[in-house]
């Protein structure tokens, strides 16, 4: 599962650098705040399916432990191979 904290910035590059490139250095401060609200926050990433849930930092340990408990008994089936690799 992919989780994020509410204050995380989900982006390929920093918001200020992206705004300087997109708007060619004009109104950087105003456009940076708008860019963060529209693109670089975890709620937008969750709506688009890039992350599964936005969790509070104080819940992180509990959520990860719950996930690990779920996978403790997971069995991965192995498929028998009909032919093996030839020795080279």
PDB file of N, CA and C in Angstrom:
ATOM      1  N   UNK A   1       0.841  -1.184   0.000  1.00  0.00           N
ATOM      2  CA  UNK A   1       0.000   0.000   0.000  1.00  0.00           C
ATOM      3  C   UNK A   1       0.884   1.245   0.000  1.00  0.00           C
ATOM      4  N   UNK A   2       0.410   2.285  -0.598  1.00  0.00           N
ATOM      5  CA  UNK A   2       1.127   3.560  -0.648  1.00  0.00           C
ATOM      6  C   UNK A   2       0.404   4.556   0.232  1.00  0.00           C
ATOM      7  N   UNK A   3       1.113   5.082   1.223  1.00  0.00           N
ATOM      8  CA  UNK A   3       0.534   6.036   2.154  1.00  0.00           C
ATOM      9  C   UNK A   3       1.282   7.356   2.076  1.00  0.00           C
ATOM     10  N   UNK A   4       0.626   8.414   2.529  1.00  0.00           N
ATOM     11  CA  UNK A   4       1.243   9.725   2.573  1.00  0.00           C
ATOM     12  C   UNK A   4       0.745  10.461   3.805  1.00  0.00           C
ATOM     13  N   UNK A   5       1.563  11.338   4.338  1.00  0.00           N
ATOM     14  CA  UNK A   5       1.146  12.235   5.410  1.00  0.00           C
ATOM     15  C   UNK A   5       0.487  13.455   4.793  1.00  0.00           C
ATOM     16  N   UNK A   6      -0.359  14.158   5.527  1.00  0.00           N
ATOM     17  CA  UNK A   6      -1.070  15.313   4.974  1.00  0.00           C
ATOM     18  C   UNK A   6      -0.149  16.436   4.491  1.00  0.00           C
ATOM     19  N   UNK A   7       1.006  16.612   5.087  1.00  0.00           N
ATOM     20  CA  UNK A   7       1.895  17.696   4.706  1.00  0.00           C
ATOM     21  C   UNK A   7       2.905  17.331   3.636  1.00  0.00           C
ATOM     22  N   UNK A   8       2.798  16.140   3.071  1.00  0.00           N
ATOM     23  CA  UNK A   8       3.778  15.690   2.087  1.00  0.00           C
ATOM     24  C   UNK A   8       3.609  16.423   0.767  1.00  0.00           C
ATOM     25  N   UNK A   9       4.699  16.545   0.048  1.00  0.00           N
ATOM     26  CA  UNK A   9       4.669  17.146  -1.282  1.00  0.00           C
ATOM     27  C   UNK A   9       4.882  16.037  -2.300  1.00  0.00           C
ATOM     28  N   UNK A  10       3.876  15.770  -3.098  1.00  0.00           N
ATOM     29  CA  UNK A  10       3.933  14.709  -4.096  1.00  0.00           C
ATOM     30  C   UNK A  10       4.264  15.364  -5.431  1.00  0.00           C
ATOM     31  N   UNK A  11       5.517  15.277  -5.832  1.00  0.00           N
ATOM     32  CA  UNK A  11       5.923  15.924  -7.079  1.00  0.00           C
ATOM     33  C   UNK A  11       7.247  15.343  -7.548  1.00  0.00           C
ATOM     34  N   UNK A  12       7.508  15.493  -8.821  1.00  0.00           N
ATOM     35  CA  UNK A  12       8.772  15.055  -9.395  1.00  0.00           C
ATOM     36  C   UNK A  12       9.887  16.017  -9.016  1.00  0.00           C
ATOM     37  N   UNK A  13       9.567  17.302  -8.989  1.00  0.00           N
ATOM     38  CA  UNK A  13      10.536  18.314  -8.597  1.00  0.00           C
ATOM     39  C   UNK A  13       9.859  19.299  -7.657  1.00  0.00           C
ATOM     40  N   UNK A  14      10.642  20.147  -7.019  1.00  0.00           N
ATOM     41  CA  UNK A  14      10.096  21.113  -6.088  1.00  0.00           C
ATOM     42  C   UNK A  14       9.135  22.077  -6.759  1.00  0.00           C
ATOM     43  N   UNK A  15       8.180  22.563  -5.980  1.00  0.00           N
ATOM     44  CA  UNK A  15       7.152  23.449  -6.527  1.00  0.00           C
ATOM     45  C   UNK A  15       7.756  24.735  -7.069  1.00  0.00           C
ATOM     46  N   UNK A  16       8.713  25.312  -6.354  1.00  0.00           N
ATOM     47  CA  UNK A  16       9.297  26.578  -6.794  1.00  0.00           C
ATOM     48  C   UNK A  16      10.019  26.411  -8.139  1.00  0.00           C
ATOM     49  N   UNK A  17      10.795  25.340  -8.278  1.00  0.00           N
ATOM     50  CA  UNK A  17      11.493  25.080  -9.535  1.00  0.00           C
ATOM     51  C   UNK A  17      10.536  24.855 -10.687  1.00  0.00           C
ATOM     52  N   UNK A  18       9.458  24.125 -10.423  1.00  0.00           N
ATOM     53  CA  UNK A  18       8.472  23.869 -11.476  1.00  0.00           C
ATOM     54  C   UNK A  18       7.782  25.162 -11.903  1.00  0.00           C
ATOM     55  N   UNK A  19       7.452  26.006 -10.923  1.00  0.00           N
ATOM     56  CA  UNK A  19       6.777  27.271 -11.240  1.00  0.00           C
ATOM     57  C   UNK A  19       7.695  28.192 -12.034  1.00  0.00           C
ATOM     58  N   UNK A  20       8.975  28.218 -11.684  1.00  0.00           N
ATOM     59  CA  UNK A  20       9.913  29.058 -12.431  1.00  0.00           C
ATOM     60  C   UNK A  20      10.008  28.626 -13.896  1.00  0.00           C
ATOM     61  N   UNK A  21       9.921  27.326 -14.134  1.00  0.00           N
ATOM     62  CA  UNK A  21       9.976  26.828 -15.506  1.00  0.00           C
ATOM     63  C   UNK A  21       8.659  27.100 -16.242  1.00  0.00           C
ATOM     64  N   UNK A  22       7.542  26.794 -15.594  1.00  0.00           N
ATOM     65  CA  UNK A  22       6.238  26.930 -16.248  1.00  0.00           C
ATOM     66  C   UNK A  22       5.910  28.393 -16.543  1.00  0.00           C
ATOM     67  N   UNK A  23       6.105  29.257 -15.549  1.00  0.00           N
ATOM     68  CA  UNK A  23       5.706  30.665 -15.700  1.00  0.00           C
ATOM     69  C   UNK A  23       6.876  31.581 -16.064  1.00  0.00           C
ATOM     70  N   UNK A  24       8.023  31.003 -16.344  1.00  0.00           N
ATOM     71  CA  UNK A  24       9.216  31.743 -16.770  1.00  0.00           C
ATOM     72  C   UNK A  24       9.609  32.851 -15.800  1.00  0.00           C
ATOM     73  N   UNK A  25       9.496  32.549 -14.489  1.00  0.00           N
ATOM     74  CA  UNK A  25       9.974  33.475 -13.469  1.00  0.00           C
ATOM     75  C   UNK A  25       9.043  34.614 -13.128  1.00  0.00           C
ATOM     76  N   UNK A  26       7.813  34.625 -13.605  1.00  0.00           N
ATOM     77  CA  UNK A  26       6.874  35.714 -13.325  1.00  0.00           C
ATOM     78  C   UNK A  26       5.946  35.321 -12.179  1.00  0.00           C
ATOM     79  N   UNK A  27       5.818  36.197 -11.187  1.00  0.00           N
ATOM     80  CA  UNK A  27       4.950  35.979 -10.018  1.00  0.00           C
ATOM     81  C   UNK A  27       5.222  34.619  -9.368  1.00  0.00           C
ATOM     82  N   UNK A  28       6.462  34.366  -9.047  1.00  0.00           N
ATOM     83  CA  UNK A  28       6.870  33.049  -8.541  1.00  0.00           C
ATOM     84  C   UNK A  28       6.184  32.710  -7.218  1.00  0.00           C
ATOM     85  N   UNK A  29       6.142  33.644  -6.273  1.00  0.00           N
ATOM     86  CA  UNK A  29       5.565  33.354  -4.961  1.00  0.00           C
ATOM     87  C   UNK A  29       4.070  33.026  -5.053  1.00  0.00           C
ATOM     88  N   UNK A  30       3.320  33.836  -5.795  1.00  0.00           N
ATOM     89  CA  UNK A  30       1.877  33.601  -5.933  1.00  0.00           C
ATOM     90  C   UNK A  30       1.606  32.289  -6.666  1.00  0.00           C
ATOM     91  N   UNK A  31       2.325  32.071  -7.731  1.00  0.00           N
ATOM     92  CA  UNK A  31       2.110  30.860  -8.525  1.00  0.00           C
ATOM     93  C   UNK A  31       2.589  29.607  -7.809  1.00  0.00           C
ATOM     94  N   UNK A  32       3.602  29.730  -6.931  1.00  0.00           N
ATOM     95  CA  UNK A  32       4.067  28.575  -6.167  1.00  0.00           C
ATOM     96  C   UNK A  32       2.973  28.080  -5.228  1.00  0.00           C
ATOM     97  N   UNK A  33       2.329  28.986  -4.517  1.00  0.00           N
ATOM     98  CA  UNK A  33       1.240  28.596  -3.609  1.00  0.00           C
ATOM     99  C   UNK A  33       0.098  27.939  -4.373  1.00  0.00           C
ATOM    100  N   UNK A  34      -0.246  28.493  -5.538  1.00  0.00           N
ATOM    101  CA  UNK A  34      -1.316  27.915  -6.343  1.00  0.00           C
ATOM    102  C   UNK A  34      -0.927  26.532  -6.875  1.00  0.00           C
ATOM    103  N   UNK A  35       0.319  26.391  -7.287  1.00  0.00           N
ATOM    104  CA  UNK A  35       0.818  25.110  -7.805  1.00  0.00           C
ATOM    105  C   UNK A  35       0.744  24.031  -6.722  1.00  0.00           C
ATOM    106  N   UNK A  36       1.163  24.371  -5.501  1.00  0.00           N
ATOM    107  CA  UNK A  36       1.129  23.406  -4.397  1.00  0.00           C
ATOM    108  C   UNK A  36      -0.306  22.977  -4.121  1.00  0.00           C
ATOM    109  N   UNK A  37      -1.240  23.936  -4.095  1.00  0.00           N
ATOM    110  CA  UNK A  37      -2.643  23.601  -3.836  1.00  0.00           C
ATOM    111  C   UNK A  37      -3.247  22.718  -4.922  1.00  0.00           C
ATOM    112  N   UNK A  38      -2.890  22.976  -6.171  1.00  0.00           N
ATOM    113  CA  UNK A  38      -3.506  22.246  -7.276  1.00  0.00           C
ATOM    114  C   UNK A  38      -2.850  20.916  -7.607  1.00  0.00           C
ATOM    115  N   UNK A  39      -1.523  20.826  -7.440  1.00  0.00           N
ATOM    116  CA  UNK A  39      -0.831  19.635  -7.951  1.00  0.00           C
ATOM    117  C   UNK A  39       0.002  18.876  -6.931  1.00  0.00           C
ATOM    118  N   UNK A  40       0.651  19.553  -6.005  1.00  0.00           N
ATOM    119  CA  UNK A  40       1.675  18.895  -5.187  1.00  0.00           C
ATOM    120  C   UNK A  40       1.186  18.460  -3.821  1.00  0.00           C
ATOM    121  N   UNK A  41      -0.106  18.363  -3.595  1.00  0.00           N
ATOM    122  CA  UNK A  41      -0.550  17.917  -2.275  1.00  0.00           C
ATOM    123  C   UNK A  41      -1.059  16.477  -2.338  1.00  0.00           C
ATOM    124  N   UNK A  42      -1.018  15.777  -1.219  1.00  0.00           N
ATOM    125  CA  UNK A  42      -1.366  14.352  -1.239  1.00  0.00           C
ATOM    126  C   UNK A  42      -2.834  14.063  -1.510  1.00  0.00           C
ATOM    127  N   UNK A  43      -3.718  15.003  -1.255  1.00  0.00           N
ATOM    128  CA  UNK A  43      -5.135  14.746  -1.512  1.00  0.00           C
ATOM    129  C   UNK A  43      -5.402  14.614  -3.008  1.00  0.00           C
ATOM    130  N   UNK A  44      -4.737  15.418  -3.812  1.00  0.00           N
ATOM    131  CA  UNK A  44      -4.866  15.309  -5.269  1.00  0.00           C
ATOM    132  C   UNK A  44      -4.297  13.971  -5.738  1.00  0.00           C
ATOM    133  N   UNK A  45      -3.142  13.587  -5.173  1.00  0.00           N
ATOM    134  CA  UNK A  45      -2.525  12.313  -5.546  1.00  0.00           C
ATOM    135  C   UNK A  45      -3.422  11.136  -5.161  1.00  0.00           C
ATOM    136  N   UNK A  46      -4.106  11.234  -4.027  1.00  0.00           N
ATOM    137  CA  UNK A  46      -5.017  10.164  -3.601  1.00  0.00           C
ATOM    138  C   UNK A  46      -6.233  10.083  -4.524  1.00  0.00           C
ATOM    139  N   UNK A  47      -6.750  11.239  -4.936  1.00  0.00           N
ATOM    140  CA  UNK A  47      -7.896  11.240  -5.855  1.00  0.00           C
ATOM    141  C   UNK A  47      -7.541  10.618  -7.195  1.00  0.00           C
ATOM    142  N   UNK A  48      -6.309  10.817  -7.627  1.00  0.00           N
ATOM    143  CA  UNK A  48      -5.877  10.268  -8.917  1.00  0.00           C
ATOM    144  C   UNK A  48      -5.383   8.834  -8.812  1.00  0.00           C
ATOM    145  N   UNK A  49      -5.307   8.276  -7.605  1.00  0.00           N
ATOM    146  CA  UNK A  49      -4.925   6.886  -7.414  1.00  0.00           C
ATOM    147  C   UNK A  49      -3.438   6.633  -7.286  1.00  0.00           C
ATOM    148  N   UNK A  50      -2.628   7.695  -7.122  1.00  0.00           N
ATOM    149  CA  UNK A  50      -1.189   7.506  -6.965  1.00  0.00           C
ATOM    150  C   UNK A  50      -0.830   7.002  -5.573  1.00  0.00           C
ATOM    151  N   UNK A  51      -1.622   7.360  -4.575  1.00  0.00           N
ATOM    152  CA  UNK A  51      -1.434   6.839  -3.211  1.00  0.00           C
ATOM    153  C   UNK A  51      -2.765   6.268  -2.740  1.00  0.00           C
ATOM    154  N   UNK A  52      -2.687   5.344  -1.785  1.00  0.00           N
ATOM    155  CA  UNK A  52      -3.894   4.665  -1.335  1.00  0.00           C
ATOM    156  C   UNK A  52      -4.630   5.407  -0.229  1.00  0.00           C
ATOM    157  N   UNK A  53      -3.874   6.086   0.647  1.00  0.00           N
ATOM    158  CA  UNK A  53      -4.511   6.737   1.783  1.00  0.00           C
ATOM    159  C   UNK A  53      -3.616   7.843   2.316  1.00  0.00           C
ATOM    160  N   UNK A  54      -4.226   8.873   2.855  1.00  0.00           N
ATOM    161  CA  UNK A  54      -3.506   9.937   3.548  1.00  0.00           C
ATOM    162  C   UNK A  54      -3.713   9.679   5.028  1.00  0.00           C
ATOM    163  N   UNK A  55      -2.611   9.396   5.745  1.00  0.00           N
ATOM    164  CA  UNK A  55      -2.702   9.060   7.166  1.00  0.00           C
ATOM    165  C   UNK A  55      -1.985  10.112   7.992  1.00  0.00           C
ATOM    166  N   UNK A  56      -2.433  10.277   9.208  1.00  0.00           N
ATOM    167  CA  UNK A  56      -1.789  11.198  10.147  1.00  0.00           C
ATOM    168  C   UNK A  56      -0.474  10.589  10.616  1.00  0.00           C
ATOM    169  N   UNK A  57       0.530  11.421  10.892  1.00  0.00           N
ATOM    170  CA  UNK A  57       1.823  10.890  11.332  1.00  0.00           C
ATOM    171  C   UNK A  57       1.741  10.017  12.590  1.00  0.00           C
ATOM    172  N   UNK A  58       0.859  10.370  13.516  1.00  0.00           N
ATOM    173  CA  UNK A  58       0.771   9.570  14.747  1.00  0.00           C
ATOM    174  C   UNK A  58       0.112   8.206  14.519  1.00  0.00           C
ATOM    175  N   UNK A  59      -0.503   7.979  13.365  1.00  0.00           N
ATOM    176  CA  UNK A  59      -1.104   6.678  13.037  1.00  0.00           C
ATOM    177  C   UNK A  59      -0.193   5.794  12.193  1.00  0.00           C
ATOM    178  N   UNK A  60       0.973   6.289  11.816  1.00  0.00           N
ATOM    179  CA  UNK A  60       1.849   5.587  10.879  1.00  0.00           C
ATOM    180  C   UNK A  60       2.252   4.206  11.388  1.00  0.00           C
ATOM    181  N   UNK A  61       2.718   4.130  12.618  1.00  0.00           N
ATOM    182  CA  UNK A  61       3.179   2.838  13.152  1.00  0.00           C
ATOM    183  C   UNK A  61       2.048   1.814  13.161  1.00  0.00           C
ATOM    184  N   UNK A  62       0.858   2.226  13.599  1.00  0.00           N
ATOM    185  CA  UNK A  62      -0.278   1.304  13.670  1.00  0.00           C
ATOM    186  C   UNK A  62      -0.667   0.806  12.279  1.00  0.00           C
ATOM    187  N   UNK A  63      -0.716   1.688  11.305  1.00  0.00           N
ATOM    188  CA  UNK A  63      -1.123   1.304   9.947  1.00  0.00           C
ATOM    189  C   UNK A  63      -0.107   0.342   9.330  1.00  0.00           C
ATOM    190  N   UNK A  64       1.171   0.632   9.484  1.00  0.00           N
ATOM    191  CA  UNK A  64       2.201  -0.247   8.914  1.00  0.00           C
ATOM    192  C   UNK A  64       2.203  -1.604   9.615  1.00  0.00           C
ATOM    193  N   UNK A  65       2.041  -1.616  10.940  1.00  0.00           N
ATOM    194  CA  UNK A  65       1.974  -2.897  11.664  1.00  0.00           C
ATOM    195  C   UNK A  65       0.760  -3.711  11.230  1.00  0.00           C
ATOM    196  N   UNK A  66      -0.370  -3.053  11.004  1.00  0.00           N
ATOM    197  CA  UNK A  66      -1.560  -3.766  10.513  1.00  0.00           C
ATOM    198  C   UNK A  66      -1.301  -4.395   9.147  1.00  0.00           C
ATOM    199  N   UNK A  67      -0.634  -3.658   8.280  1.00  0.00           N
ATOM    200  CA  UNK A  67      -0.312  -4.200   6.956  1.00  0.00           C
ATOM    201  C   UNK A  67       0.652  -5.375   7.057  1.00  0.00           C
ATOM    202  N   UNK A  68       1.660  -5.263   7.897  1.00  0.00           N
ATOM    203  CA  UNK A  68       2.615  -6.364   8.055  1.00  0.00           C
ATOM    204  C   UNK A  68       1.952  -7.594   8.654  1.00  0.00           C
ATOM    205  N   UNK A  69       1.016  -7.396   9.589  1.00  0.00           N
ATOM    206  CA  UNK A  69       0.284  -8.525  10.169  1.00  0.00           C
ATOM    207  C   UNK A  69      -0.537  -9.231   9.090  1.00  0.00           C
ATOM    208  N   UNK A  70      -1.087  -8.463   8.171  1.00  0.00           N
ATOM    209  CA  UNK A  70      -1.881  -9.034   7.086  1.00  0.00           C
ATOM    210  C   UNK A  70      -1.021  -9.927   6.193  1.00  0.00           C
ATOM    211  N   UNK A  71       0.217  -9.505   5.947  1.00  0.00           N
ATOM    212  CA  UNK A  71       1.103 -10.256   5.056  1.00  0.00           C
ATOM    213  C   UNK A  71       1.896 -11.352   5.756  1.00  0.00           C
ATOM    214  N   UNK A  72       1.785 -11.475   7.060  1.00  0.00           N
ATOM    215  CA  UNK A  72       2.537 -12.482   7.803  1.00  0.00           C
ATOM    216  C   UNK A  72       2.243 -13.893   7.317  1.00  0.00           C
ATOM    217  N   UNK A  73       0.997 -14.163   7.014  1.00  0.00           N
ATOM    218  CA  UNK A  73       0.616 -15.522   6.615  1.00  0.00           C
ATOM    219  C   UNK A  73       0.402 -15.662   5.112  1.00  0.00           C
ATOM    220  N   UNK A  74       0.861 -14.702   4.345  1.00  0.00           N
ATOM    221  CA  UNK A  74       0.672 -14.758   2.898  1.00  0.00           C
ATOM    222  C   UNK A  74       1.510 -15.875   2.293  1.00  0.00           C
ATOM    223  N   UNK A  75       0.902 -16.642   1.430  1.00  0.00           N
ATOM    224  CA  UNK A  75       1.583 -17.716   0.718  1.00  0.00           C
ATOM    225  C   UNK A  75       1.669 -17.344  -0.753  1.00  0.00           C
ATOM    226  N   UNK A  76       2.859 -17.423  -1.297  1.00  0.00           N
ATOM    227  CA  UNK A  76       3.056 -17.139  -2.717  1.00  0.00           C
ATOM    228  C   UNK A  76       3.215 -18.476  -3.430  1.00  0.00           C
ATOM    229  N   UNK A  77       2.273 -18.811  -4.303  1.00  0.00           N
ATOM    230  CA  UNK A  77       2.369 -20.107  -4.985  1.00  0.00           C
ATOM    231  C   UNK A  77       3.526 -20.111  -5.984  1.00  0.00           C
ATOM    232  N   UNK A  78       4.225 -21.219  -6.010  1.00  0.00           N
ATOM    233  CA  UNK A  78       5.293 -21.365  -6.993  1.00  0.00           C
ATOM    234  C   UNK A  78       4.771 -22.197  -8.158  1.00  0.00           C
ATOM    235  N   UNK A  79       5.124 -21.793  -9.341  1.00  0.00           N
ATOM    236  CA  UNK A  79       4.675 -22.491 -10.540  1.00  0.00           C
ATOM    237  C   UNK A  79       5.781 -23.445 -10.970  1.00  0.00           C
ATOM    238  N   UNK A  80       5.410 -24.696 -11.146  1.00  0.00           N
ATOM    239  CA  UNK A  80       6.381 -25.676 -11.602  1.00  0.00           C
ATOM    240  C   UNK A  80       6.753 -25.366 -13.042  1.00  0.00           C
ATOM    241  N   UNK A  81       8.026 -25.397 -13.325  1.00  0.00           N
ATOM    242  CA  UNK A  81       8.491 -25.121 -14.687  1.00  0.00           C
ATOM    243  C   UNK A  81       8.550 -26.417 -15.493  1.00  0.00           C
ATOM    244  N   UNK A  82       8.109 -26.310 -16.709  1.00  0.00           N
ATOM    245  CA  UNK A  82       8.120 -27.467 -17.581  1.00  0.00           C
ATOM    246  C   UNK A  82       9.527 -27.716 -18.093  1.00  0.00           C
ATOM    247  N   UNK A  83      10.262 -26.632 -18.391  1.00  0.00           N
ATOM    248  CA  UNK A  83      11.624 -26.749 -18.883  1.00  0.00           C
ATOM    249  C   UNK A  83      12.499 -25.793 -18.079  1.00  0.00           C
ATOM    250  N   UNK A  84      13.707 -26.177 -17.850  1.00  0.00           N
ATOM    251  CA  UNK A  84      14.614 -25.301 -17.125  1.00  0.00           C
ATOM    252  C   UNK A  84      15.533 -24.584 -18.116  1.00  0.00           C
ATOM    253  N   UNK A  85      16.314 -23.675 -17.588  1.00  0.00           N
ATOM    254  CA  UNK A  85      17.295 -22.997 -18.442  1.00  0.00           C
ATOM    255  C   UNK A  85      18.424 -23.956 -18.789  1.00  0.00           C
ATOM    256  N   UNK A  86      18.894 -23.875 -19.997  1.00  0.00           N
ATOM    257  CA  UNK A  86      19.995 -24.755 -20.398  1.00  0.00           C
ATOM    258  C   UNK A  86      21.304 -24.167 -19.881  1.00  0.00           C
ATOM    259  N   UNK A  87      22.237 -25.006 -19.484  1.00  0.00           N
ATOM    260  CA  UNK A  87      23.515 -24.490 -19.025  1.00  0.00           C
ATOM    261  C   UNK A  87      24.327 -23.970 -20.208  1.00  0.00           C
ATOM    262  N   UNK A  88      24.915 -22.804 -19.996  1.00  0.00           N
ATOM    263  CA  UNK A  88      25.710 -22.214 -21.078  1.00  0.00           C
ATOM    264  C   UNK A  88      27.172 -22.236 -20.733  1.00  0.00           C
TER     265      UNK A  88
END
